[in-house]
C-alpha atoms as a PDB file:
ATOM      1  CA  MET A   1     126.750  50.463  69.959  1.00  0.00           C
ATOM      2  CA  MET A   2     123.021  51.197  70.057  1.00  0.00           C
ATOM      3  CA  GLN A   3     123.590  54.630  68.670  1.00  0.00           C
ATOM      4  CA  LEU A   4     125.658  53.142  65.813  1.00  0.00           C
ATOM      5  CA  HIS A   5     122.771  50.934  64.903  1.00  0.00           C
ATOM      6  CA  ARG A   6     120.433  53.941  64.853  1.00  0.00           C
ATOM      7  CA  ILE A   7     122.797  55.824  62.483  1.00  0.00           C
ATOM      8  CA  VAL A   8     122.987  52.812  60.064  1.00  0.00           C
ATOM      9  CA  ILE A   9     119.218  52.269  60.090  1.00  0.00           C
ATOM     10  CA  TRP A  10     118.339  55.919  59.576  1.00  0.00           C
ATOM     11  CA  SER A  11     120.971  56.400  56.944  1.00  0.00           C
ATOM     12  CA  GLY A  12     119.436  53.541  54.970  1.00  0.00           C
ATOM     13  CA  VAL A  13     115.960  55.064  55.325  1.00  0.00           C
ATOM     14  CA  LEU A  14     117.103  58.517  54.298  1.00  0.00           C
ATOM     15  CA  VAL A  15     118.896  57.158  51.198  1.00  0.00           C
ATOM     16  CA  TRP A  16     115.597  55.772  49.916  1.00  0.00           C
ATOM     17  CA  ILE A  17     113.612  59.018  50.450  1.00  0.00           C
ATOM     18  CA  PRO A  18     114.796  60.715  47.186  1.00  0.00           C
ATOM     19  CA  PHE A  19     113.391  57.768  45.147  1.00  0.00           C
ATOM     20  CA  LEU A  20     109.906  58.885  46.297  1.00  0.00           C
ATOM     21  CA  VAL A  21     110.541  62.389  45.087  1.00  0.00           C
ATOM     22  CA  LEU A  22     109.610  63.351  41.506  1.00  0.00           C
ATOM     23  CA  ALA A  23     112.392  65.444  40.043  1.00  0.00           C
ATOM     24  CA  HIS A  24     112.960  65.733  36.415  1.00  0.00           C
ATOM     25  CA  GLY A  25     117.741  65.939  35.779  1.00  0.00           C
ATOM     26  CA  ASP A  26     124.185  81.081  30.756  1.00  0.00           C
ATOM     27  CA  GLU A  27     126.133  81.760  28.054  1.00  0.00           C
ATOM     28  CA  ASP A  28     126.545  81.542  24.325  1.00  0.00           C
ATOM     29  CA  HIS A  29     122.959  80.579  23.786  1.00  0.00           C
ATOM     30  CA  THR A  30     121.245  81.690  20.584  1.00  0.00           C
ATOM     31  CA  ARG A  31     117.669  81.813  19.462  1.00  0.00           C
ATOM     32  CA  LYS A  32     116.376  80.336  16.255  1.00  0.00           C
ATOM     33  CA  SER A  33     118.967  80.844  13.535  1.00  0.00           C
ATOM     34  CA  THR A  34     118.313  82.640  10.252  1.00  0.00           C
ATOM     35  CA  THR A  35     119.159  79.524   8.289  1.00  0.00           C
ATOM     36  CA  THR A  36     116.291  77.492   6.852  1.00  0.00           C
ATOM     37  CA  SER A  37     115.531  74.324   8.780  1.00  0.00           C
ATOM     38  CA  THR A  38     113.078  71.560   7.970  1.00  0.00           C
ATOM     39  CA  THR A  39     110.079  71.640  10.273  1.00  0.00           C
ATOM     40  CA  GLN A  40     107.584  68.844  10.650  1.00  0.00           C
ATOM     41  CA  THR A  41     104.251  69.385  12.499  1.00  0.00           C
ATOM     42  CA  ILE A  42     102.792  66.279  14.045  1.00  0.00           C
ATOM     43  CA  PRO A  43     100.373  65.635  16.935  1.00  0.00           C
ATOM     44  CA  THR A  44     101.902  65.217  20.344  1.00  0.00           C
ATOM     45  CA  THR A  45     100.673  61.652  20.554  1.00  0.00           C
ATOM     46  CA  GLN A  46     102.895  60.817  17.566  1.00  0.00           C
ATOM     47  CA  ILE A  47     106.088  62.382  18.658  1.00  0.00           C
ATOM     48  CA  ILE A  48     107.563  59.285  20.213  1.00  0.00           C
ATOM     49  CA  ALA A  49     106.667  56.603  17.684  1.00  0.00           C
ATOM     50  CA  THR A  50     105.611  56.564  14.020  1.00  0.00           C
ATOM     51  CA  ILE A  51     101.997  55.435  13.771  1.00  0.00           C
ATOM     52  CA  PRO A  52     101.181  53.044  10.857  1.00  0.00           C
ATOM     53  CA  PRO A  53      98.606  54.309   8.320  1.00  0.00           C
ATOM     54  CA  SER A  54      96.016  51.713   9.387  1.00  0.00           C
ATOM     55  CA  THR A  55      96.281  52.775  12.987  1.00  0.00           C
ATOM     56  CA  ALA A  56      96.106  56.461  12.028  1.00  0.00           C
ATOM     57  CA  MET A  57      92.910  55.890  10.016  1.00  0.00           C
ATOM     58  CA  SER A  58      91.429  54.013  12.941  1.00  0.00           C
ATOM     59  CA  SER A  59      92.296  56.835  15.295  1.00  0.00           C
ATOM     60  CA  GLN A  60      90.807  59.396  12.952  1.00  0.00           C
ATOM     61  CA  SER A  61      87.542  57.491  12.689  1.00  0.00           C
ATOM     62  CA  SER A  62      87.341  57.156  16.453  1.00  0.00           C
ATOM     63  CA  LEU A  63      87.902  60.928  16.846  1.00  0.00           C
ATOM     64  CA  GLU A  64      85.088  61.645  14.327  1.00  0.00           C
ATOM     65  CA  SER A  65      82.768  59.358  16.269  1.00  0.00           C
ATOM     66  CA  ALA A  66      83.458  61.243  19.467  1.00  0.00           C
ATOM     67  CA  PRO A  67      82.582  64.845  18.762  1.00  0.00           C
ATOM     68  CA  HIS A  68      83.026  65.947  22.409  1.00  0.00           C
ATOM     69  CA  ALA A  69      86.576  64.565  22.709  1.00  0.00           C
ATOM     70  CA  ALA A  70      89.367  67.006  23.539  1.00  0.00           C
ATOM     71  CA  PRO A  71      90.979  68.483  20.483  1.00  0.00           C
ATOM     72  CA  GLN A  72      94.527  67.334  19.584  1.00  0.00           C
ATOM     73  CA  VAL A  73      97.158  69.902  20.238  1.00  0.00           C
ATOM     74  CA  ALA A  74      99.690  70.191  17.435  1.00  0.00           C
ATOM     75  CA  SER A  75     103.339  70.502  18.312  1.00  0.00           C
ATOM     76  CA  THR A  76     106.184  71.603  16.126  1.00  0.00           C
ATOM     77  CA  VAL A  77     109.233  69.379  16.276  1.00  0.00           C
ATOM     78  CA  PRO A  78     112.213  70.763  14.284  1.00  0.00           C
ATOM     79  CA  MET A  79     114.276  68.098  12.620  1.00  0.00           C
ATOM     80  CA  THR A  80     117.640  69.820  12.616  1.00  0.00           C
ATOM     81  CA  GLN A  81     119.843  66.926  11.590  1.00  0.00           C
ATOM     82  CA  GLU A  82     119.978  63.229  10.972  1.00  0.00           C
ATOM     83  CA  PRO A  83     120.734  60.888  13.942  1.00  0.00           C
ATOM     84  CA  ALA A  84     124.444  60.990  14.610  1.00  0.00           C
ATOM     85  CA  LEU A  85     124.671  57.315  15.420  1.00  0.00           C
ATOM     86  CA  THR A  86     123.035  54.041  14.745  1.00  0.00           C
ATOM     87  CA  SER A  87     122.791  51.191  17.212  1.00  0.00           C
ATOM     88  CA  ASP A  88     125.856  49.483  15.661  1.00  0.00           C
ATOM     89  CA  ASP A  89     128.014  52.548  16.070  1.00  0.00           C
ATOM     90  CA  VAL A  90     127.796  52.929  19.867  1.00  0.00           C
ATOM     91  CA  PRO A  91     130.633  51.405  21.844  1.00  0.00           C
ATOM     92  CA  ILE A  92     129.746  49.207  24.758  1.00  0.00           C
ATOM     93  CA  GLY A  93     132.569  50.114  27.136  1.00  0.00           C
ATOM     94  CA  PHE A  94     131.931  52.859  29.667  1.00  0.00           C
ATOM     95  CA  TRP A  95     135.006  54.987  28.977  1.00  0.00           C
ATOM     96  CA  GLU A  96     134.748  54.489  25.196  1.00  0.00           C
ATOM     97  CA  SER A  97     131.100  55.497  25.184  1.00  0.00           C
ATOM     98  CA  LEU A  98     131.810  58.777  27.008  1.00  0.00           C
ATOM     99  CA  SER A  99     133.594  60.108  23.945  1.00  0.00           C
ATOM    100  CA  VAL A 100     130.449  59.550  21.821  1.00  0.00           C
ATOM    101  CA  PHE A 101     128.128  61.716  23.910  1.00  0.00           C
ATOM    102  CA  PRO A 102     127.621  65.218  22.487  1.00  0.00           C
ATOM    103  CA  THR A 103     127.849  66.567  26.100  1.00  0.00           C
ATOM    104  CA  LEU A 104     128.545  65.120  29.534  1.00  0.00           C
ATOM    105  CA  HIS A 105     126.202  67.607  31.263  1.00  0.00           C
ATOM    106  CA  PRO A 106     123.490  64.985  32.010  1.00  0.00           C
ATOM    107  CA  LEU A 107     126.017  62.672  33.638  1.00  0.00           C
ATOM    108  CA  VAL A 108     127.417  65.417  35.931  1.00  0.00           C
ATOM    109  CA  VAL A 109     124.159  67.261  36.698  1.00  0.00           C
ATOM    110  CA  HIS A 110     122.518  64.153  38.138  1.00  0.00           C
ATOM    111  CA  PHE A 111     125.162  63.923  40.844  1.00  0.00           C
ATOM    112  CA  ALA A 112     124.178  67.455  41.968  1.00  0.00           C
ATOM    113  CA  ILE A 113     120.471  66.507  41.880  1.00  0.00           C
ATOM    114  CA  VAL A 114     120.771  63.323  43.902  1.00  0.00           C
ATOM    115  CA  LEU A 115     123.198  64.682  46.492  1.00  0.00           C
ATOM    116  CA  LEU A 116     121.259  67.850  47.214  1.00  0.00           C
ATOM    117  CA  LEU A 117     117.976  65.916  47.458  1.00  0.00           C
ATOM    118  CA  VAL A 118     119.530  63.537  49.982  1.00  0.00           C
ATOM    119  CA  ALA A 119     121.414  66.252  51.950  1.00  0.00           C
ATOM    120  CA  LEU A 120     118.240  67.854  53.412  1.00  0.00           C
ATOM    121  CA  PRO A 121     116.670  64.731  54.970  1.00  0.00           C
ATOM    122  CA  THR A 122     120.065  63.538  56.158  1.00  0.00           C
ATOM    123  CA  TYR A 123     120.931  66.762  57.990  1.00  0.00           C
ATOM    124  CA  GLY A 124     117.347  66.918  59.295  1.00  0.00           C
ATOM    125  CA  GLY A 125     117.743  63.443  60.657  1.00  0.00           C
ATOM    126  CA  GLY A 126     120.918  64.493  62.464  1.00  0.00           C
ATOM    127  CA  LEU A 127     119.028  67.377  64.055  1.00  0.00           C
ATOM    128  CA  TRP A 128     116.147  65.182  65.093  1.00  0.00           C
ATOM    129  CA  PHE A 129     118.347  62.654  66.854  1.00  0.00           C
ATOM    130  CA  ARG A 130     120.944  65.256  67.960  1.00  0.00           C
ATOM    131  CA  ASN A 131     123.613  63.235  66.221  1.00  0.00           C
ATOM    132  CA  THR A 132     126.608  65.232  65.017  1.00  0.00           C
ATOM    133  CA  ALA A 133     127.887  62.346  62.808  1.00  0.00           C
ATOM    134  CA  VAL A 134     124.678  62.345  60.708  1.00  0.00           C
ATOM    135  CA  LYS A 135     124.809  66.098  60.445  1.00  0.00           C
ATOM    136  CA  ILE A 136     128.343  65.845  59.137  1.00  0.00           C
ATOM    137  CA  VAL A 137     127.155  63.424  56.512  1.00  0.00           C
ATOM    138  CA  GLY A 138     124.440  65.861  55.510  1.00  0.00           C
ATOM    139  CA  ALA A 139     127.033  68.679  55.210  1.00  0.00           C
ATOM    140  CA  LEU A 140     129.239  66.448  53.042  1.00  0.00           C
ATOM    141  CA  LEU A 141     126.350  65.586  50.797  1.00  0.00           C
ATOM    142  CA  ALA A 142     125.567  69.309  50.381  1.00  0.00           C
ATOM    143  CA  PHE A 143     129.194  69.909  49.507  1.00  0.00           C
ATOM    144  CA  GLY A 144     129.161  67.150  46.905  1.00  0.00           C
ATOM    145  CA  GLY A 145     125.956  68.575  45.424  1.00  0.00           C
ATOM    146  CA  TRP A 146     127.504  71.953  45.251  1.00  0.00           C
ATOM    147  CA  MET A 147     130.522  70.577  43.438  1.00  0.00           C
ATOM    148  CA  GLY A 148     128.236  68.876  40.989  1.00  0.00           C
ATOM    149  CA  ALA A 149     126.238  72.018  40.421  1.00  0.00           C
ATOM    150  CA  ILE A 150     129.469  74.008  39.790  1.00  0.00           C
ATOM    151  CA  LEU A 151     130.742  71.499  37.271  1.00  0.00           C
ATOM    152  CA  ALA A 152     127.365  71.209  35.487  1.00  0.00           C
ATOM    153  CA  THR A 153     126.849  74.959  35.128  1.00  0.00           C
ATOM    154  CA  ASN A 154     130.408  75.819  34.185  1.00  0.00           C
ATOM    155  CA  VAL A 155     132.759  73.018  33.052  1.00  0.00           C
ATOM    156  CA  PHE A 156     130.187  70.756  31.431  1.00  0.00           C
ATOM    157  CA  HIS A 157     127.749  73.411  30.318  1.00  0.00           C
ATOM    158  CA  PRO A 158     126.559  72.810  26.744  1.00  0.00           C
ATOM    159  CA  HIS A 159     125.960  75.721  24.426  1.00  0.00           C
ATOM    160  CA  THR A 160     122.785  75.752  22.401  1.00  0.00           C
ATOM    161  CA  ILE A 161     122.004  77.033  18.932  1.00  0.00           C
ATOM    162  CA  GLY A 162     118.954  77.387  16.756  1.00  0.00           C
ATOM    163  CA  LEU A 163     116.400  77.551  19.605  1.00  0.00           C
ATOM    164  CA  THR A 164     112.909  78.800  19.051  1.00  0.00           C
ATOM    165  CA  ASP A 165     111.475  81.531  21.300  1.00  0.00           C
ATOM    166  CA  ALA A 166     109.563  78.949  23.316  1.00  0.00           C
ATOM    167  CA  MET A 167     112.696  76.864  23.822  1.00  0.00           C
ATOM    168  CA  PHE A 168     114.770  79.894  24.725  1.00  0.00           C
ATOM    169  CA  ALA A 169     112.167  80.958  27.359  1.00  0.00           C
ATOM    170  CA  ILE A 170     112.300  77.474  29.008  1.00  0.00           C
ATOM    171  CA  LEU A 171     116.135  77.586  28.845  1.00  0.00           C
ATOM    172  CA  GLU A 172     116.171  80.862  30.712  1.00  0.00           C
ATOM    173  CA  GLU A 173     113.992  79.372  33.471  1.00  0.00           C
ATOM    174  CA  HIS A 174     116.230  76.343  33.660  1.00  0.00           C
ATOM    175  CA  GLU A 175     119.359  78.429  34.006  1.00  0.00           C
ATOM    176  CA  ARG A 176     117.784  80.764  36.524  1.00  0.00           C
ATOM    177  CA  TYR A 177     116.977  77.907  38.897  1.00  0.00           C
ATOM    178  CA  ALA A 178     120.346  76.284  38.230  1.00  0.00           C
ATOM    179  CA  ASN A 179     122.100  79.482  39.319  1.00  0.00           C
ATOM    180  CA  TRP A 180     119.879  79.646  42.448  1.00  0.00           C
ATOM    181  CA  THR A 181     120.921  76.104  43.193  1.00  0.00           C
ATOM    182  CA  VAL A 182     124.607  77.009  43.049  1.00  0.00           C
ATOM    183  CA  TYR A 183     124.113  79.959  45.407  1.00  0.00           C
ATOM    184  CA  ALA A 184     121.899  78.071  47.813  1.00  0.00           C
ATOM    185  CA  SER A 185     124.079  74.953  47.956  1.00  0.00           C
ATOM    186  CA  THR A 186     127.155  77.115  48.533  1.00  0.00           C
ATOM    187  CA  LEU A 187     125.543  78.657  51.568  1.00  0.00           C
ATOM    188  CA  ALA A 188     124.103  75.342  52.645  1.00  0.00           C
ATOM    189  CA  TRP A 189     127.375  73.388  52.992  1.00  0.00           C
ATOM    190  CA  VAL A 190     129.195  76.321  54.541  1.00  0.00           C
ATOM    191  CA  LEU A 191     126.539  76.807  57.246  1.00  0.00           C
ATOM    192  CA  ALA A 192     126.143  73.068  57.747  1.00  0.00           C
ATOM    193  CA  GLY A 193     129.880  72.737  58.273  1.00  0.00           C
ATOM    194  CA  LEU A 194     129.942  75.553  60.790  1.00  0.00           C
ATOM    195  CA  SER A 195     127.077  73.963  62.694  1.00  0.00           C
ATOM    196  CA  CYS A 196     128.955  70.679  62.875  1.00  0.00           C
ATOM    197  CA  VAL A 197     132.304  72.005  64.059  1.00  0.00           C
ATOM    198  CA  SER A 198     130.866  74.465  66.557  1.00  0.00           C
ATOM    199  CA  LYS A 199     130.981  73.283  70.142  1.00  0.00           C
ATOM    200  CA  LEU A 200     127.831  75.188  70.941  1.00  0.00           C
ATOM    201  CA  GLN A 201     124.441  74.116  69.753  1.00  0.00           C
ATOM    202  CA  HIS A 202     123.162  77.112  67.792  1.00  0.00           C
ATOM    203  CA  ARG A 203     119.489  76.537  67.073  1.00  0.00           C
ATOM    204  CA  VAL A 204     119.338  79.614  64.856  1.00  0.00           C
ATOM    205  CA  LEU A 205     122.309  78.364  62.742  1.00  0.00           C
ATOM    206  CA  GLU A 206     120.792  74.932  62.433  1.00  0.00           C
ATOM    207  CA  LEU A 207     117.459  76.392  61.403  1.00  0.00           C
ATOM    208  CA  ALA A 208     119.174  78.492  58.766  1.00  0.00           C
ATOM    209  CA  VAL A 209     120.886  75.365  57.426  1.00  0.00           C
ATOM    210  CA  VAL A 210     117.514  73.608  57.065  1.00  0.00           C
ATOM    211  CA  VAL A 211     115.979  76.628  55.303  1.00  0.00           C
ATOM    212  CA  VAL A 212     118.782  77.019  52.823  1.00  0.00           C
ATOM    213  CA  MET A 213     119.017  73.280  52.133  1.00  0.00           C
ATOM    214  CA  GLY A 214     115.259  73.361  51.600  1.00  0.00           C
ATOM    215  CA  PHE A 215     115.635  76.147  49.099  1.00  0.00           C
ATOM    216  CA  SER A 216     118.416  74.231  47.227  1.00  0.00           C
ATOM    217  CA  PHE A 217     116.106  71.190  47.249  1.00  0.00           C
ATOM    218  CA  PHE A 218     113.390  73.316  45.648  1.00  0.00           C
ATOM    219  CA  SER A 219     115.644  75.062  43.097  1.00  0.00           C
ATOM    220  CA  VAL A 220     117.410  71.922  41.880  1.00  0.00           C
ATOM    221  CA  THR A 221     114.039  70.208  41.418  1.00  0.00           C
ATOM    222  CA  LEU A 222     112.740  73.040  39.246  1.00  0.00           C
ATOM    223  CA  ALA A 223     116.006  73.248  37.354  1.00  0.00           C
ATOM    224  CA  GLY A 224     115.695  69.540  36.575  1.00  0.00           C
ATOM    225  CA  HIS A 225     112.061  69.988  35.564  1.00  0.00           C
ATOM    226  CA  TYR A 226     112.823  72.701  33.021  1.00  0.00           C
ATOM    227  CA  GLY A 227     115.835  70.728  31.778  1.00  0.00           C
ATOM    228  CA  ALA A 228     113.599  67.731  31.259  1.00  0.00           C
ATOM    229  CA  MET A 229     111.171  69.862  29.258  1.00  0.00           C
ATOM    230  CA  LEU A 230     113.946  70.912  26.923  1.00  0.00           C
ATOM    231  CA  THR A 231     115.194  67.386  26.522  1.00  0.00           C
ATOM    232  CA  HIS A 232     111.987  65.322  26.379  1.00  0.00           C
ATOM    233  CA  LEU A 233     109.475  67.833  24.923  1.00  0.00           C
ATOM    234  CA  TYR A 234     111.677  69.815  22.520  1.00  0.00           C
ATOM    235  CA  GLY A 235     114.533  67.329  21.880  1.00  0.00           C
ATOM    236  CA  VAL A 236     117.301  69.719  22.958  1.00  0.00           C
ATOM    237  CA  GLY A 237     120.440  67.724  23.548  1.00  0.00           C
ATOM    238  CA  PRO A 238     119.776  64.132  22.468  1.00  0.00           C
ATOM    239  CA  GLN A 239     122.129  63.163  19.581  1.00  0.00           C
ATOM    240  CA  GLY A 240     123.518  66.720  19.576  1.00  0.00           C
ATOM    241  CA  GLN A 241     120.261  68.351  18.579  1.00  0.00           C
ATOM    242  CA  TYR A 242     120.394  72.167  19.085  1.00  0.00           C
ATOM    243  CA  LEU A 243     123.889  71.970  20.467  1.00  0.00           C
ATOM    244  CA  GLU A 244     127.023  73.591  19.045  1.00  0.00           C
ATOM    245  CA  VAL A 245     128.906  70.899  17.183  1.00  0.00           C
ATOM    246  CA  ASP A 246     132.338  72.153  18.165  1.00  0.00           C
ATOM    247  CA  ASP A 247     131.420  72.644  21.826  1.00  0.00           C
ATOM    248  CA  PRO A 248     134.014  70.618  23.886  1.00  0.00           C
ATOM    249  CA  HIS A 249     131.589  70.301  26.829  1.00  0.00           C
END
């Protein structure tokens, strides 16, 4: 009974560990198209919100009064299309709203991110307390993360179009770490499963599981980071920006 209490307590602790981790969520991608697109150059501080003229004049005067201030870095934000929806067009229901999204990749990929981040500390906790049940939970989490990674990189993989060279370079980094995540998580849940069903305590096998899970932890974090750069810095994905319109994923 005491051992069951330990399992429950440590499972609760391990579930909260990923919330302390900062993680941001290969085919048919094209660079910037030859068609003419409207491009607007604005400072990075004005990307999120439109600054009123009075505020802009005040900011300009404050910059002139501070000659040693850091220069503003201009960023090019291509405006490829008008917003697809207004606030009145979005359905409230969960299942109805799924049909409105240009891609379900963000929904699926976050399952992979969360499960793989939790798998490592869970399996490590099972090793620390020599508890096979907790190790099995870690192996199952790794398996779930692997399934999410497979679905995100294949079934729900959006195809981009009209990317600039800078966007395309970040996309390549994102996909490289995403592929590494698939390979590492595959090996992780297989080795973790073997270590759980084996009657002998193989220290080398358990160490290999920790190393591979650690690598998948690292790769999925970087894949999420570069994906966040595409989404939040370059606007790839929101409202279908830079995505193939007829892409079913």
